[in-house]
């Protein structure tokens, strides 16, 4: 089954006290609110170390960036952390153009990302 427009799927994997969320699809105006709700559910359940694997995310809109920002801010207030790894070239361009590469904690690989916690 291919990706439905505006759908992003999230697979979870725990590594110690870090929750890895492997995201797949597009983070746009349609899918970002759903993804944000899911991520905030994890946070409300006490998960304050989140690693987003973006290797499957091929499109990020301004709505997706706002979502990442609100998650980052929320985790900061909880002394937690959000790290994003395996960002595709497409998405990295968007982050760099908007200056978000300085706002978000980015890592090339999952290993690098896990070391940042």
PDB file of N, CA and C in Angstrom:
ATOM      1  N   UNK A   1       0.837  -1.198   0.000  1.00  0.00           N
ATOM      2  CA  UNK A   1       0.000   0.000   0.000  1.00  0.00           C
ATOM      3  C   UNK A   1       0.872   1.248   0.000  1.00  0.00           C
ATOM      4  N   UNK A   2       0.704   2.122  -0.945  1.00  0.00           N
ATOM      5  CA  UNK A   2       1.515   3.340  -1.020  1.00  0.00           C
ATOM      6  C   UNK A   2       1.070   4.347   0.019  1.00  0.00           C
ATOM      7  N   UNK A   3       1.795   5.436   0.092  1.00  0.00           N
ATOM      8  CA  UNK A   3       1.434   6.475   1.060  1.00  0.00           C
ATOM      9  C   UNK A   3       0.239   7.259   0.579  1.00  0.00           C
ATOM     10  N   UNK A   4      -0.744   7.379   1.447  1.00  0.00           N
ATOM     11  CA  UNK A   4      -1.882   8.223   1.132  1.00  0.00           C
ATOM     12  C   UNK A   4      -1.419   9.670   1.304  1.00  0.00           C
ATOM     13  N   UNK A   5      -1.863  10.536   0.447  1.00  0.00           N
ATOM     14  CA  UNK A   5      -1.527  11.958   0.543  1.00  0.00           C
ATOM     15  C   UNK A   5      -1.791  12.475   1.962  1.00  0.00           C
ATOM     16  N   UNK A   6      -0.818  13.183   2.511  1.00  0.00           N
ATOM     17  CA  UNK A   6      -1.039  13.780   3.825  1.00  0.00           C
ATOM     18  C   UNK A   6      -0.994  12.784   4.960  1.00  0.00           C
ATOM     19  N   UNK A   7      -0.340  11.647   4.722  1.00  0.00           N
ATOM     20  CA  UNK A   7      -0.272  10.661   5.797  1.00  0.00           C
ATOM     21  C   UNK A   7       1.177  10.430   6.186  1.00  0.00           C
ATOM     22  N   UNK A   8       1.401  10.379   7.474  1.00  0.00           N
ATOM     23  CA  UNK A   8       2.737  10.040   7.922  1.00  0.00           C
ATOM     24  C   UNK A   8       2.577   8.896   8.916  1.00  0.00           C
ATOM     25  N   UNK A   9       3.405   7.854   8.756  1.00  0.00           N
ATOM     26  CA  UNK A   9       3.306   6.746   9.700  1.00  0.00           C
ATOM     27  C   UNK A   9       4.485   6.825  10.659  1.00  0.00           C
ATOM     28  N   UNK A  10       4.250   6.369  11.874  1.00  0.00           N
ATOM     29  CA  UNK A  10       5.278   6.441  12.911  1.00  0.00           C
ATOM     30  C   UNK A  10       5.448   5.059  13.528  1.00  0.00           C
ATOM     31  N   UNK A  11       6.676   4.535  13.481  1.00  0.00           N
ATOM     32  CA  UNK A  11       6.981   3.280  14.163  1.00  0.00           C
ATOM     33  C   UNK A  11       7.814   3.603  15.393  1.00  0.00           C
ATOM     34  N   UNK A  12       7.497   2.943  16.498  1.00  0.00           N
ATOM     35  CA  UNK A  12       8.224   3.221  17.741  1.00  0.00           C
ATOM     36  C   UNK A  12       9.241   2.139  18.040  1.00  0.00           C
ATOM     37  N   UNK A  13      10.335   2.560  18.641  1.00  0.00           N
ATOM     38  CA  UNK A  13      11.325   1.608  19.141  1.00  0.00           C
ATOM     39  C   UNK A  13      12.001   2.248  20.341  1.00  0.00           C
ATOM     40  N   UNK A  14      12.045   1.530  21.453  1.00  0.00           N
ATOM     41  CA  UNK A  14      12.679   2.086  22.650  1.00  0.00           C
ATOM     42  C   UNK A  14      14.124   1.618  22.744  1.00  0.00           C
ATOM     43  N   UNK A  15      15.019   2.552  23.077  1.00  0.00           N
ATOM     44  CA  UNK A  15      16.408   2.194  23.374  1.00  0.00           C
ATOM     45  C   UNK A  15      16.721   2.786  24.737  1.00  0.00           C
ATOM     46  N   UNK A  16      16.645   1.966  25.766  1.00  0.00           N
ATOM     47  CA  UNK A  16      16.814   2.478  27.119  1.00  0.00           C
ATOM     48  C   UNK A  16      15.702   3.469  27.401  1.00  0.00           C
ATOM     49  N   UNK A  17      16.081   4.687  27.824  1.00  0.00           N
ATOM     50  CA  UNK A  17      15.040   5.680  28.131  1.00  0.00           C
ATOM     51  C   UNK A  17      14.789   6.605  26.951  1.00  0.00           C
ATOM     52  N   UNK A  18      15.338   6.246  25.800  1.00  0.00           N
ATOM     53  CA  UNK A  18      15.121   7.059  24.597  1.00  0.00           C
ATOM     54  C   UNK A  18      14.090   6.368  23.713  1.00  0.00           C
ATOM     55  N   UNK A  19      13.124   7.155  23.255  1.00  0.00           N
ATOM     56  CA  UNK A  19      12.132   6.606  22.338  1.00  0.00           C
ATOM     57  C   UNK A  19      12.476   7.048  20.920  1.00  0.00           C
ATOM     58  N   UNK A  20      12.694   6.066  20.052  1.00  0.00           N
ATOM     59  CA  UNK A  20      12.970   6.370  18.649  1.00  0.00           C
ATOM     60  C   UNK A  20      11.657   6.287  17.885  1.00  0.00           C
ATOM     61  N   UNK A  21      11.342   7.355  17.173  1.00  0.00           N
ATOM     62  CA  UNK A  21      10.152   7.369  16.326  1.00  0.00           C
ATOM     63  C   UNK A  21      10.613   7.414  14.874  1.00  0.00           C
ATOM     64  N   UNK A  22      10.345   6.330  14.164  1.00  0.00           N
ATOM     65  CA  UNK A  22      10.740   6.273  12.749  1.00  0.00           C
ATOM     66  C   UNK A  22       9.573   6.779  11.925  1.00  0.00           C
ATOM     67  N   UNK A  23       9.793   7.927  11.305  1.00  0.00           N
ATOM     68  CA  UNK A  23       8.704   8.593  10.599  1.00  0.00           C
ATOM     69  C   UNK A  23       8.816   8.330   9.108  1.00  0.00           C
ATOM     70  N   UNK A  24       7.671   8.147   8.502  1.00  0.00           N
ATOM     71  CA  UNK A  24       7.633   7.808   7.097  1.00  0.00           C
ATOM     72  C   UNK A  24       6.544   8.588   6.394  1.00  0.00           C
ATOM     73  N   UNK A  25       6.902   9.269   5.322  1.00  0.00           N
ATOM     74  CA  UNK A  25       5.895   9.995   4.549  1.00  0.00           C
ATOM     75  C   UNK A  25       6.183  11.481   4.474  1.00  0.00           C
ATOM     76  N   UNK A  26       5.122  12.264   4.408  1.00  0.00           N
ATOM     77  CA  UNK A  26       5.233  13.710   4.247  1.00  0.00           C
ATOM     78  C   UNK A  26       4.754  14.393   5.514  1.00  0.00           C
ATOM     79  N   UNK A  27       5.515  15.386   5.954  1.00  0.00           N
ATOM     80  CA  UNK A  27       5.045  16.193   7.086  1.00  0.00           C
ATOM     81  C   UNK A  27       4.556  17.513   6.516  1.00  0.00           C
ATOM     82  N   UNK A  28       3.257  17.556   6.235  1.00  0.00           N
ATOM     83  CA  UNK A  28       2.681  18.755   5.632  1.00  0.00           C
ATOM     84  C   UNK A  28       1.531  19.262   6.499  1.00  0.00           C
ATOM     85  N   UNK A  29       0.768  20.194   5.967  1.00  0.00           N
ATOM     86  CA  UNK A  29      -0.304  20.820   6.750  1.00  0.00           C
ATOM     87  C   UNK A  29      -1.353  19.791   7.192  1.00  0.00           C
ATOM     88  N   UNK A  30      -1.516  18.725   6.392  1.00  0.00           N
ATOM     89  CA  UNK A  30      -2.528  17.719   6.706  1.00  0.00           C
ATOM     90  C   UNK A  30      -2.021  16.742   7.768  1.00  0.00           C
ATOM     91  N   UNK A  31      -0.806  16.269   7.602  1.00  0.00           N
ATOM     92  CA  UNK A  31      -0.317  15.201   8.485  1.00  0.00           C
ATOM     93  C   UNK A  31       0.335  15.701   9.770  1.00  0.00           C
ATOM     94  N   UNK A  32       0.864  16.928   9.747  1.00  0.00           N
ATOM     95  CA  UNK A  32       1.617  17.417  10.913  1.00  0.00           C
ATOM     96  C   UNK A  32       0.803  17.459  12.216  1.00  0.00           C
ATOM     97  N   UNK A  33      -0.459  17.937  12.169  1.00  0.00           N
ATOM     98  CA  UNK A  33      -1.225  17.965  13.423  1.00  0.00           C
ATOM     99  C   UNK A  33      -1.403  16.572  14.034  1.00  0.00           C
ATOM    100  N   UNK A  34      -1.614  15.560  13.185  1.00  0.00           N
ATOM    101  CA  UNK A  34      -1.768  14.182  13.657  1.00  0.00           C
ATOM    102  C   UNK A  34      -0.471  13.690  14.269  1.00  0.00           C
ATOM    103  N   UNK A  35       0.639  13.942  13.567  1.00  0.00           N
ATOM    104  CA  UNK A  35       1.950  13.527  14.068  1.00  0.00           C
ATOM    105  C   UNK A  35       2.235  14.226  15.394  1.00  0.00           C
ATOM    106  N   UNK A  36       1.898  15.509  15.463  1.00  0.00           N
ATOM    107  CA  UNK A  36       2.139  16.279  16.680  1.00  0.00           C
ATOM    108  C   UNK A  36       1.346  15.703  17.850  1.00  0.00           C
ATOM    109  N   UNK A  37       0.080  15.374  17.599  1.00  0.00           N
ATOM    110  CA  UNK A  37      -0.746  14.780  18.658  1.00  0.00           C
ATOM    111  C   UNK A  37      -0.123  13.493  19.163  1.00  0.00           C
ATOM    112  N   UNK A  38       0.326  12.639  18.232  1.00  0.00           N
ATOM    113  CA  UNK A  38       0.944  11.370  18.614  1.00  0.00           C
ATOM    114  C   UNK A  38       2.182  11.608  19.469  1.00  0.00           C
ATOM    115  N   UNK A  39       3.027  12.534  19.016  1.00  0.00           N
ATOM    116  CA  UNK A  39       4.279  12.804  19.733  1.00  0.00           C
ATOM    117  C   UNK A  39       3.984  13.384  21.112  1.00  0.00           C
ATOM    118  N   UNK A  40       2.997  14.277  21.192  1.00  0.00           N
ATOM    119  CA  UNK A  40       2.646  14.851  22.499  1.00  0.00           C
ATOM    120  C   UNK A  40       2.042  13.801  23.440  1.00  0.00           C
ATOM    121  N   UNK A  41       1.371  12.793  22.871  1.00  0.00           N
ATOM    122  CA  UNK A  41       0.889  11.678  23.705  1.00  0.00           C
ATOM    123  C   UNK A  41       2.058  10.984  24.389  1.00  0.00           C
ATOM    124  N   UNK A  42       3.117  10.724  23.624  1.00  0.00           N
ATOM    125  CA  UNK A  42       4.306  10.085  24.212  1.00  0.00           C
ATOM    126  C   UNK A  42       4.868  10.959  25.330  1.00  0.00           C
ATOM    127  N   UNK A  43       4.943  12.262  25.063  1.00  0.00           N
ATOM    128  CA  UNK A  43       5.514  13.193  26.046  1.00  0.00           C
ATOM    129  C   UNK A  43       4.654  13.217  27.313  1.00  0.00           C
ATOM    130  N   UNK A  44       3.336  13.256  27.138  1.00  0.00           N
ATOM    131  CA  UNK A  44       2.441  13.273  28.298  1.00  0.00           C
ATOM    132  C   UNK A  44       2.530  11.979  29.090  1.00  0.00           C
ATOM    133  N   UNK A  45       2.941  10.904  28.412  1.00  0.00           N
ATOM    134  CA  UNK A  45       3.123   9.635  29.111  1.00  0.00           C
ATOM    135  C   UNK A  45       4.491   9.535  29.766  1.00  0.00           C
ATOM    136  N   UNK A  46       5.218  10.667  29.815  1.00  0.00           N
ATOM    137  CA  UNK A  46       6.470  10.696  30.554  1.00  0.00           C
ATOM    138  C   UNK A  46       7.720  10.467  29.715  1.00  0.00           C
ATOM    139  N   UNK A  47       7.555  10.437  28.409  1.00  0.00           N
ATOM    140  CA  UNK A  47       8.709  10.219  27.526  1.00  0.00           C
ATOM    141  C   UNK A  47       9.330  11.573  27.185  1.00  0.00           C
ATOM    142  N   UNK A  48      10.526  11.869  27.728  1.00  0.00           N
ATOM    143  CA  UNK A  48      11.093  13.198  27.470  1.00  0.00           C
ATOM    144  C   UNK A  48      12.371  13.166  26.636  1.00  0.00           C
ATOM    145  N   UNK A  49      12.770  11.969  26.175  1.00  0.00           N
ATOM    146  CA  UNK A  49      13.908  11.876  25.263  1.00  0.00           C
ATOM    147  C   UNK A  49      13.423  11.233  23.974  1.00  0.00           C
ATOM    148  N   UNK A  50      13.306  12.066  22.945  1.00  0.00           N
ATOM    149  CA  UNK A  50      12.767  11.579  21.686  1.00  0.00           C
ATOM    150  C   UNK A  50      13.784  11.717  20.561  1.00  0.00           C
ATOM    151  N   UNK A  51      13.913  10.641  19.804  1.00  0.00           N
ATOM    152  CA  UNK A  51      14.774  10.653  18.623  1.00  0.00           C
ATOM    153  C   UNK A  51      13.885  10.404  17.420  1.00  0.00           C
ATOM    154  N   UNK A  52      13.848  11.359  16.500  1.00  0.00           N
ATOM    155  CA  UNK A  52      13.058  11.179  15.290  1.00  0.00           C
ATOM    156  C   UNK A  52      13.960  10.731  14.158  1.00  0.00           C
ATOM    157  N   UNK A  53      13.656   9.582  13.603  1.00  0.00           N
ATOM    158  CA  UNK A  53      14.380   9.081  12.442  1.00  0.00           C
ATOM    159  C   UNK A  53      13.632   9.579  11.207  1.00  0.00           C
ATOM    160  N   UNK A  54      14.293  10.478  10.483  1.00  0.00           N
ATOM    161  CA  UNK A  54      13.649  11.137   9.339  1.00  0.00           C
ATOM    162  C   UNK A  54      14.053  10.529   7.997  1.00  0.00           C
ATOM    163  N   UNK A  55      14.670   9.330   8.021  1.00  0.00           N
ATOM    164  CA  UNK A  55      15.148   8.758   6.755  1.00  0.00           C
ATOM    165  C   UNK A  55      13.992   8.507   5.784  1.00  0.00           C
ATOM    166  N   UNK A  56      12.775   8.341   6.325  1.00  0.00           N
ATOM    167  CA  UNK A  56      11.624   8.084   5.464  1.00  0.00           C
ATOM    168  C   UNK A  56      10.775   9.305   5.182  1.00  0.00           C
ATOM    169  N   UNK A  57      11.237  10.476   5.654  1.00  0.00           N
ATOM    170  CA  UNK A  57      10.448  11.704   5.435  1.00  0.00           C
ATOM    171  C   UNK A  57      10.993  12.426   4.210  1.00  0.00           C
ATOM    172  N   UNK A  58      10.181  12.495   3.160  1.00  0.00           N
ATOM    173  CA  UNK A  58      10.679  13.079   1.910  1.00  0.00           C
ATOM    174  C   UNK A  58      10.186  14.500   1.689  1.00  0.00           C
ATOM    175  N   UNK A  59       9.312  14.969   2.588  1.00  0.00           N
ATOM    176  CA  UNK A  59       8.788  16.326   2.399  1.00  0.00           C
ATOM    177  C   UNK A  59       8.451  16.929   3.756  1.00  0.00           C
ATOM    178  N   UNK A  60       8.898  18.156   3.954  1.00  0.00           N
ATOM    179  CA  UNK A  60       8.613  18.860   5.199  1.00  0.00           C
ATOM    180  C   UNK A  60       8.114  20.253   4.848  1.00  0.00           C
ATOM    181  N   UNK A  61       6.907  20.588   5.291  1.00  0.00           N
ATOM    182  CA  UNK A  61       6.361  21.919   5.026  1.00  0.00           C
ATOM    183  C   UNK A  61       6.550  22.800   6.254  1.00  0.00           C
ATOM    184  N   UNK A  62       6.112  24.060   6.148  1.00  0.00           N
ATOM    185  CA  UNK A  62       6.238  24.964   7.296  1.00  0.00           C
ATOM    186  C   UNK A  62       5.414  24.449   8.481  1.00  0.00           C
ATOM    187  N   UNK A  63       4.319  23.746   8.189  1.00  0.00           N
ATOM    188  CA  UNK A  63       3.510  23.163   9.268  1.00  0.00           C
ATOM    189  C   UNK A  63       4.316  22.097  10.005  1.00  0.00           C
ATOM    190  N   UNK A  64       5.075  21.317   9.248  1.00  0.00           N
ATOM    191  CA  UNK A  64       5.933  20.291   9.846  1.00  0.00           C
ATOM    192  C   UNK A  64       7.016  20.920  10.704  1.00  0.00           C
ATOM    193  N   UNK A  65       7.556  22.040  10.234  1.00  0.00           N
ATOM    194  CA  UNK A  65       8.592  22.731  11.004  1.00  0.00           C
ATOM    195  C   UNK A  65       8.027  23.312  12.295  1.00  0.00           C
ATOM    196  N   UNK A  66       6.827  23.866  12.212  1.00  0.00           N
ATOM    197  CA  UNK A  66       6.186  24.391  13.429  1.00  0.00           C
ATOM    198  C   UNK A  66       5.977  23.278  14.438  1.00  0.00           C
ATOM    199  N   UNK A  67       5.575  22.122  13.941  1.00  0.00           N
ATOM    200  CA  UNK A  67       5.361  20.967  14.802  1.00  0.00           C
ATOM    201  C   UNK A  67       6.665  20.589  15.517  1.00  0.00           C
ATOM    202  N   UNK A  68       7.769  20.541  14.779  1.00  0.00           N
ATOM    203  CA  UNK A  68       9.065  20.188  15.378  1.00  0.00           C
ATOM    204  C   UNK A  68       9.473  21.218  16.427  1.00  0.00           C
ATOM    205  N   UNK A  69       9.165  22.483  16.132  1.00  0.00           N
ATOM    206  CA  UNK A  69       9.500  23.557  17.058  1.00  0.00           C
ATOM    207  C   UNK A  69       8.696  23.434  18.349  1.00  0.00           C
ATOM    208  N   UNK A  70       7.409  23.146  18.230  1.00  0.00           N
ATOM    209  CA  UNK A  70       6.591  23.060  19.443  1.00  0.00           C
ATOM    210  C   UNK A  70       6.995  21.851  20.285  1.00  0.00           C
ATOM    211  N   UNK A  71       7.391  20.756  19.628  1.00  0.00           N
ATOM    212  CA  UNK A  71       7.878  19.579  20.372  1.00  0.00           C
ATOM    213  C   UNK A  71       9.194  19.915  21.082  1.00  0.00           C
ATOM    214  N   UNK A  72      10.100  20.592  20.358  1.00  0.00           N
ATOM    215  CA  UNK A  72      11.379  20.993  20.943  1.00  0.00           C
ATOM    216  C   UNK A  72      11.168  21.869  22.175  1.00  0.00           C
ATOM    217  N   UNK A  73      10.284  22.863  22.038  1.00  0.00           N
ATOM    218  CA  UNK A  73      10.015  23.787  23.158  1.00  0.00           C
ATOM    219  C   UNK A  73       9.416  23.056  24.348  1.00  0.00           C
ATOM    220  N   UNK A  74       8.452  22.179  24.065  1.00  0.00           N
ATOM    221  CA  UNK A  74       7.795  21.425  25.128  1.00  0.00           C
ATOM    222  C   UNK A  74       8.826  20.581  25.897  1.00  0.00           C
ATOM    223  N   UNK A  75       9.699  19.888  25.155  1.00  0.00           N
ATOM    224  CA  UNK A  75      10.691  19.021  25.800  1.00  0.00           C
ATOM    225  C   UNK A  75      11.695  19.837  26.606  1.00  0.00           C
ATOM    226  N   UNK A  76      12.031  21.044  26.116  1.00  0.00           N
ATOM    227  CA  UNK A  76      12.942  21.909  26.866  1.00  0.00           C
ATOM    228  C   UNK A  76      12.378  22.236  28.239  1.00  0.00           C
ATOM    229  N   UNK A  77      11.066  22.510  28.297  1.00  0.00           N
ATOM    230  CA  UNK A  77      10.458  22.846  29.582  1.00  0.00           C
ATOM    231  C   UNK A  77      10.493  21.647  30.534  1.00  0.00           C
ATOM    232  N   UNK A  78      10.609  20.451  29.976  1.00  0.00           N
ATOM    233  CA  UNK A  78      10.642  19.237  30.800  1.00  0.00           C
ATOM    234  C   UNK A  78      12.072  18.747  31.009  1.00  0.00           C
ATOM    235  N   UNK A  79      13.054  19.556  30.603  1.00  0.00           N
ATOM    236  CA  UNK A  79      14.464  19.142  30.610  1.00  0.00           C
ATOM    237  C   UNK A  79      14.687  17.876  29.794  1.00  0.00           C
ATOM    238  N   UNK A  80      13.870  17.714  28.786  1.00  0.00           N
ATOM    239  CA  UNK A  80      14.056  16.582  27.890  1.00  0.00           C
ATOM    240  C   UNK A  80      14.789  17.027  26.640  1.00  0.00           C
ATOM    241  N   UNK A  81      14.717  16.213  25.597  1.00  0.00           N
ATOM    242  CA  UNK A  81      15.456  16.553  24.391  1.00  0.00           C
ATOM    243  C   UNK A  81      14.840  15.893  23.168  1.00  0.00           C
ATOM    244  N   UNK A  82      14.880  16.637  22.060  1.00  0.00           N
ATOM    245  CA  UNK A  82      14.473  16.086  20.771  1.00  0.00           C
ATOM    246  C   UNK A  82      15.688  16.120  19.852  1.00  0.00           C
ATOM    247  N   UNK A  83      16.019  14.979  19.272  1.00  0.00           N
ATOM    248  CA  UNK A  83      17.089  14.923  18.278  1.00  0.00           C
ATOM    249  C   UNK A  83      16.499  14.303  17.013  1.00  0.00           C
ATOM    250  N   UNK A  84      16.904  14.843  15.875  1.00  0.00           N
ATOM    251  CA  UNK A  84      16.421  14.332  14.590  1.00  0.00           C
ATOM    252  C   UNK A  84      17.611  13.787  13.818  1.00  0.00           C
ATOM    253  N   UNK A  85      17.487  12.560  13.314  1.00  0.00           N
ATOM    254  CA  UNK A  85      18.612  11.979  12.573  1.00  0.00           C
ATOM    255  C   UNK A  85      18.181  11.518  11.189  1.00  0.00           C
ATOM    256  N   UNK A  86      19.190  11.207  10.369  1.00  0.00           N
ATOM    257  CA  UNK A  86      18.976  10.646   9.028  1.00  0.00           C
ATOM    258  C   UNK A  86      18.082  11.540   8.166  1.00  0.00           C
ATOM    259  N   UNK A  87      18.326  12.852   8.234  1.00  0.00           N
ATOM    260  CA  UNK A  87      17.498  13.792   7.469  1.00  0.00           C
ATOM    261  C   UNK A  87      17.862  13.710   5.988  1.00  0.00           C
ATOM    262  N   UNK A  88      16.866  13.568   5.130  1.00  0.00           N
ATOM    263  CA  UNK A  88      17.111  13.480   3.691  1.00  0.00           C
ATOM    264  C   UNK A  88      17.555  14.838   3.142  1.00  0.00           C
ATOM    265  N   UNK A  89      18.221  14.834   2.006  1.00  0.00           N
ATOM    266  CA  UNK A  89      18.768  16.059   1.404  1.00  0.00           C
ATOM    267  C   UNK A  89      17.673  17.107   1.197  1.00  0.00           C
ATOM    268  N   UNK A  90      16.532  16.641   0.683  1.00  0.00           N
ATOM    269  CA  UNK A  90      15.369  17.509   0.462  1.00  0.00           C
ATOM    270  C   UNK A  90      14.963  18.274   1.702  1.00  0.00           C
ATOM    271  N   UNK A  91      14.791  17.517   2.780  1.00  0.00           N
ATOM    272  CA  UNK A  91      14.316  18.084   4.037  1.00  0.00           C
ATOM    273  C   UNK A  91      15.404  18.959   4.658  1.00  0.00           C
ATOM    274  N   UNK A  92      16.665  18.538   4.526  1.00  0.00           N
ATOM    275  CA  UNK A  92      17.777  19.324   5.065  1.00  0.00           C
ATOM    276  C   UNK A  92      17.838  20.696   4.399  1.00  0.00           C
ATOM    277  N   UNK A  93      17.587  20.745   3.091  1.00  0.00           N
ATOM    278  CA  UNK A  93      17.559  22.019   2.359  1.00  0.00           C
ATOM    279  C   UNK A  93      16.533  22.961   2.967  1.00  0.00           C
ATOM    280  N   UNK A  94      15.353  22.417   3.240  1.00  0.00           N
ATOM    281  CA  UNK A  94      14.264  23.210   3.824  1.00  0.00           C
ATOM    282  C   UNK A  94      14.685  23.741   5.196  1.00  0.00           C
ATOM    283  N   UNK A  95      15.293  22.874   6.007  1.00  0.00           N
ATOM    284  CA  UNK A  95      15.713  23.272   7.355  1.00  0.00           C
ATOM    285  C   UNK A  95      16.791  24.348   7.294  1.00  0.00           C
ATOM    286  N   UNK A  96      17.721  24.208   6.340  1.00  0.00           N
ATOM    287  CA  UNK A  96      18.812  25.181   6.220  1.00  0.00           C
ATOM    288  C   UNK A  96      18.301  26.523   5.727  1.00  0.00           C
ATOM    289  N   UNK A  97      17.409  26.482   4.742  1.00  0.00           N
ATOM    290  CA  UNK A  97      16.871  27.726   4.194  1.00  0.00           C
ATOM    291  C   UNK A  97      16.130  28.535   5.254  1.00  0.00           C
ATOM    292  N   UNK A  98      15.490  27.823   6.180  1.00  0.00           N
ATOM    293  CA  UNK A  98      14.693  28.509   7.201  1.00  0.00           C
ATOM    294  C   UNK A  98      15.506  28.783   8.466  1.00  0.00           C
ATOM    295  N   UNK A  99      16.772  28.325   8.472  1.00  0.00           N
ATOM    296  CA  UNK A  99      17.594  28.528   9.662  1.00  0.00           C
ATOM    297  C   UNK A  99      17.281  27.541  10.779  1.00  0.00           C
ATOM    298  N   UNK A 100      16.420  26.584  10.482  1.00  0.00           N
ATOM    299  CA  UNK A 100      16.012  25.620  11.499  1.00  0.00           C
ATOM    300  C   UNK A 100      17.124  24.628  11.843  1.00  0.00           C
ATOM    301  N   UNK A 101      18.135  24.561  10.967  1.00  0.00           N
ATOM    302  CA  UNK A 101      19.247  23.645  11.278  1.00  0.00           C
ATOM    303  C   UNK A 101      20.004  24.123  12.519  1.00  0.00           C
ATOM    304  N   UNK A 102      19.804  25.401  12.908  1.00  0.00           N
ATOM    305  CA  UNK A 102      20.434  25.916  14.137  1.00  0.00           C
ATOM    306  C   UNK A 102      19.519  25.777  15.344  1.00  0.00           C
ATOM    307  N   UNK A 103      18.228  25.648  15.085  1.00  0.00           N
ATOM    308  CA  UNK A 103      17.242  25.605  16.168  1.00  0.00           C
ATOM    309  C   UNK A 103      17.048  24.171  16.651  1.00  0.00           C
ATOM    310  N   UNK A 104      17.067  23.240  15.698  1.00  0.00           N
ATOM    311  CA  UNK A 104      16.835  21.842  16.019  1.00  0.00           C
ATOM    312  C   UNK A 104      18.157  21.130  16.231  1.00  0.00           C
ATOM    313  N   UNK A 105      18.107  20.085  17.022  1.00  0.00           N
ATOM    314  CA  UNK A 105      19.289  19.262  17.251  1.00  0.00           C
ATOM    315  C   UNK A 105      19.282  18.171  16.180  1.00  0.00           C
ATOM    316  N   UNK A 106      20.251  18.238  15.273  1.00  0.00           N
ATOM    317  CA  UNK A 106      20.296  17.295  14.159  1.00  0.00           C
ATOM    318  C   UNK A 106      21.513  16.388  14.265  1.00  0.00           C
ATOM    319  N   UNK A 107      21.350  15.151  13.835  1.00  0.00           N
ATOM    320  CA  UNK A 107      22.471  14.211  13.807  1.00  0.00           C
ATOM    321  C   UNK A 107      22.425  13.459  12.485  1.00  0.00           C
ATOM    322  N   UNK A 108      23.614  13.099  11.976  1.00  0.00           N
ATOM    323  CA  UNK A 108      23.666  12.386  10.704  1.00  0.00           C
ATOM    324  C   UNK A 108      23.090  10.985  10.855  1.00  0.00           C
ATOM    325  N   UNK A 109      23.623  10.233  11.819  1.00  0.00           N
ATOM    326  CA  UNK A 109      23.220   8.847  11.976  1.00  0.00           C
ATOM    327  C   UNK A 109      22.531   8.633  13.316  1.00  0.00           C
ATOM    328  N   UNK A 110      21.910   7.483  13.465  1.00  0.00           N
ATOM    329  CA  UNK A 110      21.242   7.139  14.707  1.00  0.00           C
ATOM    330  C   UNK A 110      22.257   7.057  15.860  1.00  0.00           C
ATOM    331  N   UNK A 111      23.438   6.482  15.560  1.00  0.00           N
ATOM    332  CA  UNK A 111      24.483   6.367  16.598  1.00  0.00           C
ATOM    333  C   UNK A 111      24.868   7.758  17.114  1.00  0.00           C
ATOM    334  N   UNK A 112      25.110   8.679  16.164  1.00  0.00           N
ATOM    335  CA  UNK A 112      25.445  10.069  16.547  1.00  0.00           C
ATOM    336  C   UNK A 112      24.347  10.653  17.413  1.00  0.00           C
ATOM    337  N   UNK A 113      23.115  10.417  17.002  1.00  0.00           N
ATOM    338  CA  UNK A 113      21.966  10.985  17.688  1.00  0.00           C
ATOM    339  C   UNK A 113      21.875  10.458  19.115  1.00  0.00           C
ATOM    340  N   UNK A 114      22.062   9.158  19.286  1.00  0.00           N
ATOM    341  CA  UNK A 114      21.941   8.556  20.618  1.00  0.00           C
ATOM    342  C   UNK A 114      22.997   9.119  21.564  1.00  0.00           C
ATOM    343  N   UNK A 115      24.150   9.490  21.011  1.00  0.00           N
ATOM    344  CA  UNK A 115      25.225  10.058  21.838  1.00  0.00           C
ATOM    345  C   UNK A 115      24.887  11.459  22.360  1.00  0.00           C
ATOM    346  N   UNK A 116      23.908  12.118  21.732  1.00  0.00           N
ATOM    347  CA  UNK A 116      23.572  13.493  22.125  1.00  0.00           C
ATOM    348  C   UNK A 116      22.679  13.562  23.372  1.00  0.00           C
ATOM    349  N   UNK A 117      22.193  12.414  23.817  1.00  0.00           N
ATOM    350  CA  UNK A 117      21.274  12.438  24.969  1.00  0.00           C
ATOM    351  C   UNK A 117      22.010  12.411  26.296  1.00  0.00           C
TER     352      UNK A 117
END
